[in-house]
Amino acid sequence: MAKADKSATMSRLHSAARLARTALAARLLAHGFYAGQDQIMLALSREDGQTPGTLADRLGVRPPTITKTINRLQAQGFLEKRASNADARQAHIFLTDSGRETIHAIEKSVKKTEKQALRGLDKKDQKTLFKLLARIEANLSDEEIVLADEDEDEQEVRAAVAV
């Protein structure tokens, strides 16, 4: 592949990610959320009571960024901070009842955006795209790729290549 083609691939990847985020942001704004807030809400819906540091690590953002977003979500009534029972200096973040009620709207917005993005791709193409994106993420994060639907032969090949 020529150098121009490689940069074109990265340009397309970047453009697709930006457009997907823009489309999702428009849907989320209709529910009172700004870009990035959805990720915190969904992370807390999976595991409520995380610390800001844990949330920052899991979402790949810096602690000051997560703190600012948590404060905004708290002001909107979606989250609340509680002091840790073990260490009063440490705060844990919890969804409020209002926050829990909005999770469905966030999930619906994500699904609609995904459906829009994948329009025209059959199930096989979608599965291939998922695997390719997982590979790109693994390459860029220097982590080993693990896909839940791999069969044992694929896992053995991957393990052999990793050694």
C-alpha atoms as a PDB file:
ATOM      1  CA  MET A   1       0.000   0.000   0.000  1.00  0.00           C
ATOM      2  CA  ALA A   2       1.360   3.413  -0.935  1.00  0.00           C
ATOM      3  CA  LYS A   3       1.985   6.070   1.718  1.00  0.00           C
ATOM      4  CA  ALA A   4      -0.872   8.213   0.419  1.00  0.00           C
ATOM      5  CA  ASP A   5      -3.258   5.273   0.813  1.00  0.00           C
ATOM      6  CA  LYS A   6      -2.151   4.694   4.428  1.00  0.00           C
ATOM      7  CA  SER A   7      -2.774   8.302   5.372  1.00  0.00           C
ATOM      8  CA  ALA A   8      -6.098   8.155   3.535  1.00  0.00           C
ATOM      9  CA  THR A   9      -7.100   5.212   5.722  1.00  0.00           C
ATOM     10  CA  MET A  10      -6.246   7.106   8.903  1.00  0.00           C
ATOM     11  CA  SER A  11      -8.054  10.150   7.562  1.00  0.00           C
ATOM     12  CA  ARG A  12     -11.179   8.061   6.877  1.00  0.00           C
ATOM     13  CA  LEU A  13     -10.987   6.443  10.311  1.00  0.00           C
ATOM     14  CA  HIS A  14     -10.649   9.828  11.976  1.00  0.00           C
ATOM     15  CA  SER A  15     -13.470  11.312   9.890  1.00  0.00           C
ATOM     16  CA  ALA A  16     -15.831   8.400  10.596  1.00  0.00           C
ATOM     17  CA  ALA A  17     -15.131   8.624  14.340  1.00  0.00           C
ATOM     18  CA  ARG A  18     -15.689  12.387  14.345  1.00  0.00           C
ATOM     19  CA  LEU A  19     -18.938  12.114  12.359  1.00  0.00           C
ATOM     20  CA  ALA A  20     -20.220   9.319  14.612  1.00  0.00           C
ATOM     21  CA  ARG A  21     -19.469  11.395  17.705  1.00  0.00           C
ATOM     22  CA  THR A  22     -21.166  14.460  16.153  1.00  0.00           C
ATOM     23  CA  ALA A  23     -24.298  12.449  15.290  1.00  0.00           C
ATOM     24  CA  LEU A  24     -24.417  10.970  18.789  1.00  0.00           C
ATOM     25  CA  ALA A  25     -23.837  14.381  20.391  1.00  0.00           C
ATOM     26  CA  ALA A  26     -26.847  15.809  18.517  1.00  0.00           C
ATOM     27  CA  ARG A  27     -29.067  12.981  19.778  1.00  0.00           C
ATOM     28  CA  LEU A  28     -27.763  13.304  23.342  1.00  0.00           C
ATOM     29  CA  LEU A  29     -28.272  17.070  23.385  1.00  0.00           C
ATOM     30  CA  ALA A  30     -31.990  16.463  22.914  1.00  0.00           C
ATOM     31  CA  HIS A  31     -31.880  14.723  26.334  1.00  0.00           C
ATOM     32  CA  GLY A  32     -29.782  17.435  27.994  1.00  0.00           C
ATOM     33  CA  PHE A  33     -26.375  15.746  27.684  1.00  0.00           C
ATOM     34  CA  TYR A  34     -23.157  17.039  26.211  1.00  0.00           C
ATOM     35  CA  ALA A  35     -20.463  14.950  24.520  1.00  0.00           C
ATOM     36  CA  GLY A  36     -18.603  12.772  27.002  1.00  0.00           C
ATOM     37  CA  GLN A  37     -21.267  12.878  29.695  1.00  0.00           C
ATOM     38  CA  ASP A  38     -22.904   9.782  28.235  1.00  0.00           C
ATOM     39  CA  GLN A  39     -19.780   7.723  28.834  1.00  0.00           C
ATOM     40  CA  ILE A  40     -19.750   8.553  32.545  1.00  0.00           C
ATOM     41  CA  MET A  41     -23.448   7.815  32.867  1.00  0.00           C
ATOM     42  CA  LEU A  42     -23.123   4.447  31.089  1.00  0.00           C
ATOM     43  CA  ALA A  43     -20.037   3.500  33.129  1.00  0.00           C
ATOM     44  CA  LEU A  44     -21.958   4.207  36.333  1.00  0.00           C
ATOM     45  CA  SER A  45     -24.989   2.280  35.102  1.00  0.00           C
ATOM     46  CA  ARG A  46     -22.713  -0.753  34.742  1.00  0.00           C
ATOM     47  CA  GLU A  47     -20.983  -0.165  38.096  1.00  0.00           C
ATOM     48  CA  ASP A  48     -22.373   2.530  40.349  1.00  0.00           C
ATOM     49  CA  GLY A  49     -20.247   4.103  43.071  1.00  0.00           C
ATOM     50  CA  GLN A  50     -16.925   4.399  41.244  1.00  0.00           C
ATOM     51  CA  THR A  51     -14.347   6.983  42.260  1.00  0.00           C
ATOM     52  CA  PRO A  52     -13.502   9.807  39.863  1.00  0.00           C
ATOM     53  CA  GLY A  53     -10.021   8.305  39.412  1.00  0.00           C
ATOM     54  CA  THR A  54     -11.440   4.918  38.467  1.00  0.00           C
ATOM     55  CA  LEU A  55     -13.845   6.527  36.003  1.00  0.00           C
ATOM     56  CA  ALA A  56     -11.013   8.556  34.456  1.00  0.00           C
ATOM     57  CA  ASP A  57      -8.882   5.426  34.018  1.00  0.00           C
ATOM     58  CA  ARG A  58     -11.720   3.395  32.517  1.00  0.00           C
ATOM     59  CA  LEU A  59     -12.723   6.147  30.105  1.00  0.00           C
ATOM     60  CA  GLY A  60      -9.178   7.115  29.160  1.00  0.00           C
ATOM     61  CA  VAL A  61      -9.402  10.745  30.242  1.00  0.00           C
ATOM     62  CA  ARG A  62      -7.484  12.888  32.715  1.00  0.00           C
ATOM     63  CA  PRO A  63      -8.850  13.272  36.273  1.00  0.00           C
ATOM     64  CA  PRO A  64      -9.432  17.068  35.952  1.00  0.00           C
ATOM     65  CA  THR A  65     -11.604  16.425  32.884  1.00  0.00           C
ATOM     66  CA  ILE A  66     -13.690  13.797  34.662  1.00  0.00           C
ATOM     67  CA  THR A  67     -14.079  16.022  37.735  1.00  0.00           C
ATOM     68  CA  LYS A  68     -15.408  18.912  35.654  1.00  0.00           C
ATOM     69  CA  THR A  69     -17.875  16.628  33.856  1.00  0.00           C
ATOM     70  CA  ILE A  70     -18.998  14.981  37.107  1.00  0.00           C
ATOM     71  CA  ASN A  71     -19.635  18.430  38.609  1.00  0.00           C
ATOM     72  CA  ARG A  72     -21.776  19.405  35.603  1.00  0.00           C
ATOM     73  CA  LEU A  73     -23.768  16.157  35.788  1.00  0.00           C
ATOM     74  CA  GLN A  74     -24.212  16.678  39.520  1.00  0.00           C
ATOM     75  CA  ALA A  75     -25.505  20.228  38.908  1.00  0.00           C
ATOM     76  CA  GLN A  76     -27.962  18.752  36.373  1.00  0.00           C
ATOM     77  CA  GLY A  77     -29.210  16.345  39.045  1.00  0.00           C
ATOM     78  CA  PHE A  78     -27.992  13.145  37.350  1.00  0.00           C
ATOM     79  CA  LEU A  79     -25.200  12.252  39.795  1.00  0.00           C
ATOM     80  CA  GLU A  80     -24.334  12.603  43.439  1.00  0.00           C
ATOM     81  CA  LYS A  81     -21.029  12.391  45.288  1.00  0.00           C
ATOM     82  CA  ARG A  82     -20.748  10.501  48.549  1.00  0.00           C
ATOM     83  CA  ALA A  83     -17.763  10.275  50.863  1.00  0.00           C
ATOM     84  CA  SER A  84     -16.136   6.864  51.096  1.00  0.00           C
ATOM     85  CA  ASN A  85     -16.839   4.833  54.223  1.00  0.00           C
ATOM     86  CA  ALA A  86     -13.185   3.771  54.292  1.00  0.00           C
ATOM     87  CA  ASP A  87     -11.584   7.142  53.510  1.00  0.00           C
ATOM     88  CA  ALA A  88     -13.566  10.371  53.929  1.00  0.00           C
ATOM     89  CA  ARG A  89     -11.134  12.161  51.578  1.00  0.00           C
ATOM     90  CA  GLN A  90     -12.238   9.875  48.735  1.00  0.00           C
ATOM     91  CA  ALA A  91     -15.545  10.457  46.934  1.00  0.00           C
ATOM     92  CA  HIS A  92     -17.670   7.893  45.147  1.00  0.00           C
ATOM     93  CA  ILE A  93     -20.014   8.851  42.334  1.00  0.00           C
ATOM     94  CA  PHE A  94     -23.552   7.479  42.130  1.00  0.00           C
ATOM     95  CA  LEU A  95     -26.423   7.888  39.710  1.00  0.00           C
ATOM     96  CA  THR A  96     -29.456   9.646  41.146  1.00  0.00           C
ATOM     97  CA  ASP A  97     -32.960   8.383  40.403  1.00  0.00           C
ATOM     98  CA  SER A  98     -33.120  11.009  37.657  1.00  0.00           C
ATOM     99  CA  GLY A  99     -29.791   9.765  36.299  1.00  0.00           C
ATOM    100  CA  ARG A 100     -30.993   6.161  36.229  1.00  0.00           C
ATOM    101  CA  GLU A 101     -34.125   7.238  34.359  1.00  0.00           C
ATOM    102  CA  THR A 102     -32.016   8.802  31.585  1.00  0.00           C
ATOM    103  CA  ILE A 103     -29.875   5.709  30.926  1.00  0.00           C
ATOM    104  CA  HIS A 104     -32.472   4.266  28.544  1.00  0.00           C
ATOM    105  CA  ALA A 105     -32.478   7.506  26.507  1.00  0.00           C
ATOM    106  CA  ILE A 106     -28.669   7.439  26.294  1.00  0.00           C
ATOM    107  CA  GLU A 107     -28.632   3.782  25.241  1.00  0.00           C
ATOM    108  CA  LYS A 108     -31.328   4.465  22.652  1.00  0.00           C
ATOM    109  CA  SER A 109     -29.307   7.375  21.243  1.00  0.00           C
ATOM    110  CA  VAL A 110     -26.221   5.167  20.983  1.00  0.00           C
ATOM    111  CA  LYS A 111     -28.188   2.399  19.227  1.00  0.00           C
ATOM    112  CA  LYS A 112     -29.745   4.850  16.751  1.00  0.00           C
ATOM    113  CA  THR A 113     -26.344   6.318  15.939  1.00  0.00           C
ATOM    114  CA  GLU A 114     -24.842   2.858  15.475  1.00  0.00           C
ATOM    115  CA  LYS A 115     -27.733   1.842  13.229  1.00  0.00           C
ATOM    116  CA  GLN A 116     -27.220   4.988  11.143  1.00  0.00           C
ATOM    117  CA  ALA A 117     -23.466   4.393  10.898  1.00  0.00           C
ATOM    118  CA  LEU A 118     -23.818   0.735   9.902  1.00  0.00           C
ATOM    119  CA  ARG A 119     -26.623   1.266   7.376  1.00  0.00           C
ATOM    120  CA  GLY A 120     -25.911  -0.769   4.235  1.00  0.00           C
ATOM    121  CA  LEU A 121     -23.526  -3.194   5.932  1.00  0.00           C
ATOM    122  CA  ASP A 122     -24.728  -6.780   6.291  1.00  0.00           C
ATOM    123  CA  LYS A 123     -24.104  -8.795   9.479  1.00  0.00           C
ATOM    124  CA  LYS A 124     -20.901 -10.316   8.090  1.00  0.00           C
ATOM    125  CA  ASP A 125     -19.510  -6.888   7.176  1.00  0.00           C
ATOM    126  CA  GLN A 126     -20.455  -5.563  10.618  1.00  0.00           C
ATOM    127  CA  LYS A 127     -18.667  -8.460  12.321  1.00  0.00           C
ATOM    128  CA  THR A 128     -15.591  -7.924  10.141  1.00  0.00           C
ATOM    129  CA  LEU A 129     -15.612  -4.191  10.880  1.00  0.00           C
ATOM    130  CA  PHE A 130     -15.895  -4.909  14.606  1.00  0.00           C
ATOM    131  CA  LYS A 131     -12.886  -7.230  14.466  1.00  0.00           C
ATOM    132  CA  LEU A 132     -10.849  -4.761  12.419  1.00  0.00           C
ATOM    133  CA  LEU A 133     -11.611  -1.900  14.796  1.00  0.00           C
ATOM    134  CA  ALA A 134     -10.754  -4.114  17.775  1.00  0.00           C
ATOM    135  CA  ARG A 135      -7.414  -4.885  16.108  1.00  0.00           C
ATOM    136  CA  ILE A 136      -6.734  -1.177  15.520  1.00  0.00           C
ATOM    137  CA  GLU A 137      -7.587  -0.372  19.153  1.00  0.00           C
ATOM    138  CA  ALA A 138      -5.318  -3.162  20.376  1.00  0.00           C
ATOM    139  CA  ASN A 139      -2.492  -2.003  18.111  1.00  0.00           C
ATOM    140  CA  LEU A 140      -2.778   1.587  19.294  1.00  0.00           C
ATOM    141  CA  SER A 141      -3.049   0.680  22.967  1.00  0.00           C
ATOM    142  CA  ASP A 142      -0.331  -2.009  22.811  1.00  0.00           C
ATOM    143  CA  GLU A 143      -2.756  -4.528  24.290  1.00  0.00           C
ATOM    144  CA  GLU A 144      -3.585  -8.029  23.175  1.00  0.00           C
ATOM    145  CA  ILE A 145      -6.875  -8.354  21.377  1.00  0.00           C
ATOM    146  CA  VAL A 146      -9.542 -10.627  22.845  1.00  0.00           C
ATOM    147  CA  LEU A 147     -12.826 -11.134  21.044  1.00  0.00           C
ATOM    148  CA  ALA A 148     -15.642 -12.912  22.852  1.00  0.00           C
ATOM    149  CA  ASP A 149     -16.872 -14.805  19.793  1.00  0.00           C
ATOM    150  CA  GLU A 150     -13.530 -16.258  18.690  1.00  0.00           C
ATOM    151  CA  ASP A 151     -13.471 -19.993  18.367  1.00  0.00           C
ATOM    152  CA  GLU A 152     -10.712 -22.081  19.983  1.00  0.00           C
ATOM    153  CA  ASP A 153      -8.641 -22.329  16.776  1.00  0.00           C
ATOM    154  CA  GLU A 154      -8.563 -18.527  16.429  1.00  0.00           C
ATOM    155  CA  GLN A 155      -7.543 -18.189  20.092  1.00  0.00           C
ATOM    156  CA  GLU A 156      -4.720 -20.736  19.639  1.00  0.00           C
ATOM    157  CA  VAL A 157      -3.432 -18.933  16.548  1.00  0.00           C
ATOM    158  CA  ARG A 158      -3.571 -15.602  18.375  1.00  0.00           C
ATOM    159  CA  ALA A 159      -1.746 -17.085  21.371  1.00  0.00           C
ATOM    160  CA  ALA A 160       0.940 -18.571  19.102  1.00  0.00           C
ATOM    161  CA  VAL A 161       1.430 -15.249  17.322  1.00  0.00           C
ATOM    162  CA  ALA A 162       1.674 -13.392  20.651  1.00  0.00           C
ATOM    163  CA  VAL A 163       4.555 -15.627  21.832  1.00  0.00           C
END
